[in-house]
Amino acid sequence: MRCGRTAVVRERTGTRGSWSGHFGPSGRGRSGGGRGDVLTVFDVDGLPVRERTSAWAEAASNALVPQRFRFPAPQEFHARMTGMPLGVAELLHMTYGPLVTERTPKDIRRQDPEYYQLGCTILGEQGIEQARNQALLGAGEMVLYDSSVPFTARSGLSPGTSGSYVLQFPKQSMRLSPQRVRSLVAVPLQARTGVGRLLFQLLAGIEEQFESCSPRDLVQLGQTAIDLTAVLLGRHADRAPVLPPESRQHVLFLHMVAFIDRNLADPGLSPCAIASAHGVSLRYLHRVFQIEGTTPTRFVREQRLARCRRDLANPALGNVPVHAIGARWGFPRASDFNRVFRAAAGVPPGRYRALATHHAAAPRSPEPYARTTRWAAPARPDDE
């Protein structure tokens, strides 16, 4: 199977060629698959108009599961798909014009990888019917569907382009029984608040930081996304998800990370405050962070210092006093900020700013779950 056009697919390595076999979680067994950490982009705009719908139907079936497509306006069809392998899972970001998708019993007999697919609508309105359930989805809503059950999905229910994330993964990788999940397919799931919002932010963060993550990071992030999906489904069914203690603790850790990120500027952000906000004891809080290889105090300090490094290296903030940058990120006393910063960087913050400016260091946002326990100041001019 070949696309017949180059420049339709690009990988993060810069290679080009046929998209066949590139999409799909690593280990699925499709022929021609690339490295497990390669981001792949498929865009029909690189093809003649007459070839776009057939190319999209083939690419989408290869990336997801065999299915059939109808295109209400084939001459105006535009679509783009980005595939990000995450170990046993894969995340796809898809944008497309109006279409109707069907997976029939014949398609299931042809190939059924026994996957769950979690779709999160980003743009437009979309509908899906499966297992006698019907869902009409707008931006900020999710839906689960099952590769082993026929379905019909429609996009273009509102004007403009439709877009969604699709997280797909083997059924056995999610620690919820099929019996508990069966009633939740084609049921709208809220992604604007709570666990759904946290899951959506994780998917968006994976796409944003994909090229900065190691293959091992991507595998762990894929399992984390699967675990959060289980929590979301369990809560929607108003029952606690059947997750092992380590998975529950990691999900709690992610909640705490989000809380810390929102409150870094508050000098009162202490272990006690974090524990109280999440309804756990101080002892249990330390246990959760210990499993992640850190402590609450160290984690908060590292996140604050990461923000301070970013701002000190940002030429646009060159007129902001050093002590004001420290205060902005939870160090209200200049002496404390100088002491903590110097202990971590080996130079005071003012000197760090001068060295970073000398090297024209581009400002960088800290990683979502930074664990940089040791980091160095930019090299001094006489060290070059």
Protein backbone atom coordinates (compact mmCIF):
# COMPACT_ATOMS: atom_id res chain seq x y z
CA MET A 1 0.00 0.00 0.00
CA ARG A 2 1.52 3.30 -1.07
CA CYS A 3 0.32 6.85 -1.08
CA GLY A 4 1.78 7.70 -4.45
CA ARG A 5 2.85 11.18 -3.32
CA THR A 6 5.80 12.37 -1.31
CA ALA A 7 5.72 15.25 1.16
CA VAL A 8 2.39 14.03 2.53
CA VAL A 9 3.95 12.48 5.60
CA ARG A 10 6.69 14.01 7.66
CA GLU A 11 8.33 12.49 10.69
CA ARG A 12 10.17 14.40 13.35
CA THR A 13 13.38 12.98 11.88
CA GLY A 14 12.65 14.83 8.65
CA THR A 15 12.16 11.76 6.46
CA ARG A 16 9.33 11.57 3.96
CA GLY A 17 7.46 8.83 2.17
CA SER A 18 4.48 6.55 2.41
CA TRP A 19 2.33 6.84 5.51
CA SER A 20 1.30 3.18 5.39
CA GLY A 21 2.25 1.43 8.61
CA HIS A 22 3.54 4.53 10.38
CA PHE A 23 0.43 5.00 12.47
CA GLY A 24 -0.57 2.76 15.34
CA PRO A 25 0.81 1.96 18.80
CA SER A 26 4.16 0.24 18.78
CA GLY A 27 3.84 -3.51 18.74
CA ARG A 28 0.57 -3.58 16.84
CA GLY A 29 2.29 -5.55 14.12
CA ARG A 30 1.56 -3.44 11.06
CA SER A 31 4.07 -3.75 8.29
CA GLY A 32 6.41 -0.89 7.66
CA GLY A 33 6.12 0.66 11.12
CA GLY A 34 8.79 3.13 12.14
CA ARG A 35 10.48 3.87 15.42
CA GLY A 36 8.24 3.88 18.46
CA ASP A 37 8.96 7.53 19.27
CA VAL A 38 8.45 9.05 15.79
CA LEU A 39 5.80 11.72 15.36
CA THR A 40 4.05 11.35 11.99
CA VAL A 41 1.91 13.92 10.20
CA PHE A 42 -0.48 13.18 7.33
CA ASP A 43 -2.03 16.12 5.46
CA VAL A 44 -4.28 15.66 2.42
CA ASP A 45 -3.54 19.20 1.25
CA GLY A 46 -0.39 17.75 -0.32
CA LEU A 47 -2.53 15.72 -2.74
CA PRO A 48 -4.66 16.56 -5.77
CA VAL A 49 -8.27 17.26 -4.81
CA ARG A 50 -9.56 14.12 -6.52
CA GLU A 51 -7.28 11.90 -4.38
CA ARG A 52 -7.87 13.45 -0.98
CA THR A 53 -10.93 11.53 0.20
CA SER A 54 -9.61 8.11 -0.80
CA ALA A 55 -6.21 8.87 0.72
CA TRP A 56 -7.85 9.98 3.97
CA ALA A 57 -10.07 6.89 4.12
CA GLU A 58 -7.03 4.66 3.70
CA ALA A 59 -4.85 6.59 6.16
CA ALA A 60 -7.55 6.80 8.84
CA SER A 61 -8.37 3.09 8.55
CA ASN A 62 -4.68 2.30 8.86
CA ALA A 63 -4.23 4.62 11.83
CA LEU A 64 -7.37 3.51 13.68
CA VAL A 65 -9.39 0.44 12.63
CA PRO A 66 -10.91 -0.59 9.27
CA GLN A 67 -13.93 1.60 8.62
CA ARG A 68 -15.91 3.17 5.79
CA PHE A 69 -16.27 6.84 4.90
CA ARG A 70 -18.75 9.08 3.13
CA PHE A 71 -17.88 12.66 2.24
CA PRO A 72 -20.77 15.13 1.78
CA ALA A 73 -18.50 17.65 0.00
CA PRO A 74 -15.53 15.73 -1.46
CA GLN A 75 -14.29 18.63 -3.60
CA GLU A 76 -13.90 20.81 -0.51
CA PHE A 77 -12.43 18.18 1.79
CA HIS A 78 -9.39 19.06 3.93
CA ALA A 79 -7.92 16.91 6.69
CA ARG A 80 -4.80 16.48 8.77
CA MET A 81 -3.70 13.79 11.22
CA THR A 82 -0.77 13.69 13.64
CA GLY A 83 0.16 10.32 15.18
CA MET A 84 2.11 10.08 18.45
CA PRO A 85 2.98 6.54 19.66
CA LEU A 86 2.91 6.10 23.44
CA GLY A 87 3.97 2.51 24.04
CA VAL A 88 0.88 0.30 23.87
CA ALA A 89 -1.24 3.41 23.31
CA GLU A 90 -1.28 6.06 20.62
CA LEU A 91 -2.51 9.64 20.58
CA LEU A 92 -3.83 11.14 17.36
CA HIS A 93 -4.73 14.76 16.73
CA MET A 94 -7.14 14.92 13.80
CA THR A 95 -8.80 17.82 11.98
CA TYR A 96 -11.17 17.22 9.08
CA GLY A 97 -14.08 18.48 7.06
CA PRO A 98 -17.60 16.98 7.08
CA LEU A 99 -17.67 13.18 6.87
CA VAL A 100 -19.58 10.10 7.97
CA THR A 101 -17.68 7.11 9.36
CA GLU A 102 -19.06 3.60 9.74
CA ARG A 103 -17.56 0.44 11.22
CA THR A 104 -19.67 -2.51 10.19
CA PRO A 105 -19.78 -6.15 11.38
CA LYS A 106 -17.89 -7.04 8.19
CA ASP A 107 -15.13 -4.59 9.10
CA ILE A 108 -14.92 -6.10 12.59
CA ARG A 109 -14.61 -9.61 11.16
CA ARG A 110 -11.88 -8.34 8.86
CA GLN A 111 -9.80 -6.93 11.70
CA ASP A 112 -10.50 -6.29 15.37
CA PRO A 113 -7.48 -5.28 17.47
CA GLU A 114 -9.80 -5.14 20.55
CA TYR A 115 -9.09 -1.52 21.28
CA TYR A 116 -10.84 1.21 23.15
CA GLN A 117 -10.73 4.64 21.57
CA LEU A 118 -11.35 7.78 23.58
CA GLY A 119 -12.31 10.73 21.43
CA CYS A 120 -12.13 14.29 22.76
CA THR A 121 -13.82 16.95 20.64
CA ILE A 122 -11.73 20.09 20.17
CA LEU A 123 -13.56 21.84 17.33
CA GLY A 124 -17.09 21.66 16.00
CA GLU A 125 -19.89 19.25 16.83
CA GLN A 126 -19.79 15.50 16.25
CA GLY A 127 -22.15 12.59 16.82
CA ILE A 128 -21.68 8.88 17.41
CA GLU A 129 -24.00 5.89 17.72
CA GLN A 130 -22.84 2.60 19.21
CA ALA A 131 -24.42 -0.19 21.27
CA ARG A 132 -27.83 1.55 21.18
CA ASN A 133 -26.32 4.68 22.71
CA GLN A 134 -26.18 8.05 20.96
CA ALA A 135 -23.99 11.01 21.81
CA LEU A 136 -23.85 14.53 20.40
CA LEU A 137 -20.54 16.10 21.35
CA GLY A 138 -19.32 19.68 21.42
CA ALA A 139 -15.90 21.08 22.23
CA GLY A 140 -14.76 19.94 25.66
CA GLU A 141 -16.62 16.62 25.66
CA MET A 142 -15.22 13.10 25.38
CA VAL A 143 -16.66 9.79 24.28
CA LEU A 144 -15.46 6.19 24.44
CA TYR A 145 -16.02 3.70 21.66
CA ASP A 146 -15.19 0.03 21.25
CA SER A 147 -13.49 -1.45 18.17
CA SER A 148 -15.44 -4.70 18.65
CA VAL A 149 -18.89 -3.09 18.28
CA PRO A 150 -20.30 -1.48 15.09
CA PHE A 151 -20.64 2.29 15.18
CA THR A 152 -21.57 5.29 13.04
CA ALA A 153 -19.94 8.68 13.60
CA ARG A 154 -20.69 12.03 11.95
CA SER A 155 -18.72 15.26 11.87
CA GLY A 156 -19.60 18.59 10.34
CA LEU A 157 -22.80 18.95 12.36
CA SER A 158 -21.84 22.61 12.79
CA PRO A 159 -20.17 24.89 10.21
CA GLY A 160 -16.39 24.79 9.83
CA THR A 161 -13.67 22.27 10.49
CA SER A 162 -14.04 19.56 13.13
CA GLY A 163 -11.17 18.42 15.31
CA SER A 164 -10.49 15.88 18.02
CA TYR A 165 -7.91 13.98 19.98
CA VAL A 166 -8.19 10.19 19.82
CA LEU A 167 -6.43 8.08 22.44
CA GLN A 168 -6.47 4.40 21.49
CA PHE A 169 -5.19 1.49 23.53
CA PRO A 170 -5.71 -2.27 24.05
CA LYS A 171 -8.66 -3.16 26.23
CA GLN A 172 -6.52 -5.30 28.51
CA SER A 173 -4.27 -2.34 29.31
CA MET A 174 -7.07 -0.57 31.19
CA ARG A 175 -7.82 -1.98 34.63
CA LEU A 176 -11.58 -1.89 34.30
CA SER A 177 -13.57 -4.97 33.35
CA PRO A 178 -15.34 -4.98 29.95
CA GLN A 179 -18.61 -5.46 31.82
CA ARG A 180 -18.17 -2.12 33.61
CA VAL A 181 -17.15 -0.32 30.43
CA ARG A 182 -19.81 -1.73 28.11
CA SER A 183 -22.57 0.63 29.23
CA LEU A 184 -20.33 3.69 28.87
CA VAL A 185 -19.61 3.55 25.12
CA ALA A 186 -21.14 6.43 23.10
CA VAL A 187 -21.97 8.30 26.32
CA PRO A 188 -20.82 11.96 26.62
CA LEU A 189 -18.03 12.40 29.18
CA GLN A 190 -17.22 15.83 30.57
CA ALA A 191 -13.73 17.16 29.78
CA ARG A 192 -14.17 20.72 31.04
CA THR A 193 -13.76 20.00 34.75
CA GLY A 194 -12.38 17.44 37.16
CA VAL A 195 -10.65 14.29 35.95
CA GLY A 196 -11.82 14.87 32.38
CA ARG A 197 -10.13 18.25 32.31
CA LEU A 198 -6.95 16.77 33.77
CA LEU A 199 -6.96 14.06 31.10
CA PHE A 200 -7.51 16.60 28.33
CA GLN A 201 -4.62 18.72 29.62
CA LEU A 202 -2.40 15.65 29.67
CA LEU A 203 -3.22 14.82 26.03
CA ALA A 204 -2.59 18.40 24.95
CA GLY A 205 0.65 18.46 26.94
CA ILE A 206 1.85 15.23 25.32
CA GLU A 207 1.36 16.75 21.88
CA GLU A 208 3.13 19.97 22.88
CA GLN A 209 6.12 18.24 24.48
CA PHE A 210 6.25 15.03 22.41
CA GLU A 211 9.57 15.78 20.75
CA SER A 212 11.16 16.64 24.10
CA CYS A 213 10.23 13.32 25.71
CA SER A 214 12.33 10.17 25.71
CA PRO A 215 10.82 6.87 24.50
CA ARG A 216 10.58 5.75 28.14
CA ASP A 217 8.77 8.97 29.06
CA LEU A 218 6.27 8.39 26.25
CA VAL A 219 5.51 4.84 27.39
CA GLN A 220 4.85 6.06 30.94
CA LEU A 221 2.72 8.96 29.73
CA GLY A 222 0.66 6.55 27.64
CA GLN A 223 -0.07 4.36 30.65
CA THR A 224 -0.89 7.44 32.72
CA ALA A 225 -3.42 8.53 30.09
CA ILE A 226 -4.97 5.05 30.17
CA ASP A 227 -5.17 5.12 33.98
CA LEU A 228 -6.83 8.55 33.94
CA THR A 229 -9.33 7.25 31.38
CA ALA A 230 -10.17 4.44 33.81
CA VAL A 231 -10.69 6.96 36.61
CA LEU A 232 -12.91 9.10 34.39
CA LEU A 233 -15.04 6.13 33.38
CA GLY A 234 -15.25 4.82 36.93
CA ARG A 235 -16.41 8.18 38.25
CA HIS A 236 -18.90 8.57 35.46
CA ALA A 237 -20.42 5.26 36.45
CA ASP A 238 -20.47 6.59 40.04
CA ARG A 239 -18.26 3.72 41.15
CA ALA A 240 -14.65 3.70 42.24
CA PRO A 241 -12.34 2.47 39.49
CA VAL A 242 -10.64 -0.85 40.09
CA LEU A 243 -7.05 0.37 39.98
CA PRO A 244 -4.06 -0.99 41.88
CA PRO A 245 -2.72 1.26 44.67
CA GLU A 246 0.25 2.45 42.60
CA SER A 247 -2.03 3.68 39.80
CA ARG A 248 -4.33 5.50 42.21
CA GLN A 249 -1.33 7.13 43.84
CA HIS A 250 0.06 8.27 40.51
CA VAL A 251 -3.27 9.79 39.50
CA LEU A 252 -3.38 11.58 42.86
CA PHE A 253 0.16 12.81 42.21
CA LEU A 254 -0.99 14.31 38.89
CA HIS A 255 -3.84 16.11 40.67
CA MET A 256 -1.31 17.48 43.14
CA VAL A 257 1.04 18.58 40.36
CA ALA A 258 -1.80 20.55 38.74
CA PHE A 259 -2.67 22.12 42.11
CA ILE A 260 0.97 23.08 42.71
CA ASP A 261 1.26 24.59 39.24
CA ARG A 262 -1.78 26.80 39.87
CA ASN A 263 -0.50 27.98 43.25
CA LEU A 264 3.26 28.35 42.80
CA ALA A 265 3.11 32.10 43.40
CA ASP A 266 1.55 31.61 46.85
CA PRO A 267 4.25 31.66 49.56
CA GLY A 268 1.88 29.63 51.72
CA LEU A 269 2.05 26.64 49.37
CA SER A 270 3.29 24.10 51.90
CA PRO A 271 3.03 20.31 52.24
CA CYS A 272 0.22 20.84 54.75
CA ALA A 273 -1.67 23.04 52.30
CA ILE A 274 -1.28 20.47 49.51
CA ALA A 275 -2.40 17.60 51.73
CA SER A 276 -5.40 19.55 53.01
CA ALA A 277 -6.49 20.52 49.50
CA HIS A 278 -6.58 16.85 48.49
CA GLY A 279 -8.06 15.38 51.66
CA VAL A 280 -5.08 13.23 52.61
CA SER A 281 -2.78 13.09 55.61
CA LEU A 282 0.66 14.67 55.57
CA ARG A 283 2.18 11.20 55.91
CA TYR A 284 0.31 9.90 52.88
CA LEU A 285 1.30 12.99 50.89
CA HIS A 286 4.98 12.25 51.52
CA ARG A 287 4.43 8.63 50.54
CA VAL A 288 2.91 9.65 47.18
CA PHE A 289 5.84 11.94 46.38
CA GLN A 290 8.36 9.37 47.60
CA ILE A 291 7.01 6.89 45.04
CA GLU A 292 7.67 9.54 42.38
CA GLY A 293 11.26 9.95 43.57
CA THR A 294 10.98 13.31 45.29
CA THR A 295 9.42 15.15 48.25
CA PRO A 296 6.68 17.81 48.28
CA THR A 297 9.05 20.54 49.47
CA ARG A 298 11.73 19.68 46.92
CA PHE A 299 9.20 19.43 44.09
CA VAL A 300 7.67 22.85 44.84
CA ARG A 301 11.12 24.42 45.18
CA GLU A 302 12.28 22.97 41.85
CA GLN A 303 9.16 24.15 40.05
CA ARG A 304 9.60 27.67 41.46
CA LEU A 305 13.28 27.77 40.55
CA ALA A 306 12.47 26.56 37.03
CA ARG A 307 10.08 29.51 36.58
CA CYS A 308 12.65 31.89 38.00
CA ARG A 309 15.34 30.59 35.62
CA ARG A 310 12.99 31.07 32.70
CA ASP A 311 12.15 34.64 33.67
CA LEU A 312 15.74 35.60 34.47
CA ALA A 313 16.85 34.36 31.03
CA ASN A 314 14.02 36.22 29.26
CA PRO A 315 15.32 39.48 27.73
CA ALA A 316 11.77 40.86 27.72
CA LEU A 317 11.88 40.85 31.55
CA GLY A 318 15.29 42.49 31.77
CA ASN A 319 13.88 45.56 33.54
CA VAL A 320 12.09 43.53 36.22
CA PRO A 321 14.16 43.52 39.44
CA VAL A 322 15.59 40.17 40.46
CA HIS A 323 13.81 40.21 43.82
CA ALA A 324 10.48 40.86 42.03
CA ILE A 325 10.95 37.74 39.92
CA GLY A 326 11.61 35.74 43.08
CA ALA A 327 8.52 37.20 44.74
CA ARG A 328 6.44 36.39 41.64
CA TRP A 329 7.21 32.70 42.13
CA GLY A 330 6.79 32.28 45.86
CA PHE A 331 10.04 33.72 47.30
CA PRO A 332 8.81 36.88 49.08
CA ARG A 333 12.12 37.53 50.88
CA ALA A 334 15.01 38.51 48.63
CA SER A 335 17.57 36.99 51.00
CA ASP A 336 15.81 33.61 50.92
CA PHE A 337 15.55 33.73 47.14
CA ASN A 338 19.27 34.50 46.76
CA ARG A 339 20.24 31.71 49.15
CA VAL A 340 18.03 29.02 47.57
CA PHE A 341 18.90 30.03 44.02
CA ARG A 342 22.64 30.11 44.69
CA ALA A 343 22.52 26.71 46.39
CA ALA A 344 20.96 25.24 43.26
CA ALA A 345 22.81 27.14 40.52
CA GLY A 346 26.14 27.96 42.12
CA VAL A 347 25.67 31.67 41.39
CA PRO A 348 23.20 34.27 42.69
CA PRO A 349 20.18 35.08 40.51
CA GLY A 350 21.61 38.41 39.33
CA ARG A 351 24.75 36.73 38.07
CA TYR A 352 22.69 33.99 36.45
CA ARG A 353 20.72 36.64 34.55
CA ALA A 354 23.92 38.30 33.33
CA LEU A 355 25.36 35.00 32.14
CA ALA A 356 22.11 33.93 30.48
CA THR A 357 21.87 37.26 28.67
CA HIS A 358 25.47 36.92 27.52
CA HIS A 359 24.66 33.57 25.95
CA ALA A 360 21.36 34.85 24.51
CA ALA A 361 19.59 31.98 26.24
CA ALA A 362 16.12 31.54 24.79
CA PRO A 363 13.36 31.47 27.45
CA ARG A 364 12.00 28.01 28.04
CA SER A 365 8.91 26.87 29.85
CA PRO A 366 9.55 24.26 32.52
CA GLU A 367 8.52 20.69 31.85
CA PRO A 368 5.14 19.77 33.35
CA TYR A 369 6.68 17.35 35.84
CA ALA A 370 10.23 18.69 36.09
CA ARG A 371 12.53 16.64 38.32
CA THR A 372 15.71 18.67 37.87
CA THR A 373 17.28 18.22 41.28
CA ARG A 374 20.62 19.49 39.97
CA TRP A 375 21.19 22.11 37.31
CA ALA A 376 23.99 24.51 36.49
CA ALA A 377 24.21 28.15 35.55
CA PRO A 378 25.20 29.04 31.98
CA ALA A 379 28.93 28.84 31.40
CA ARG A 380 30.92 31.93 32.29
CA PRO A 381 32.47 33.77 29.34
CA ASP A 382 35.97 32.69 30.34
CA ASP A 383 34.84 29.02 30.35
CA GLU A 384 33.99 29.03 26.64
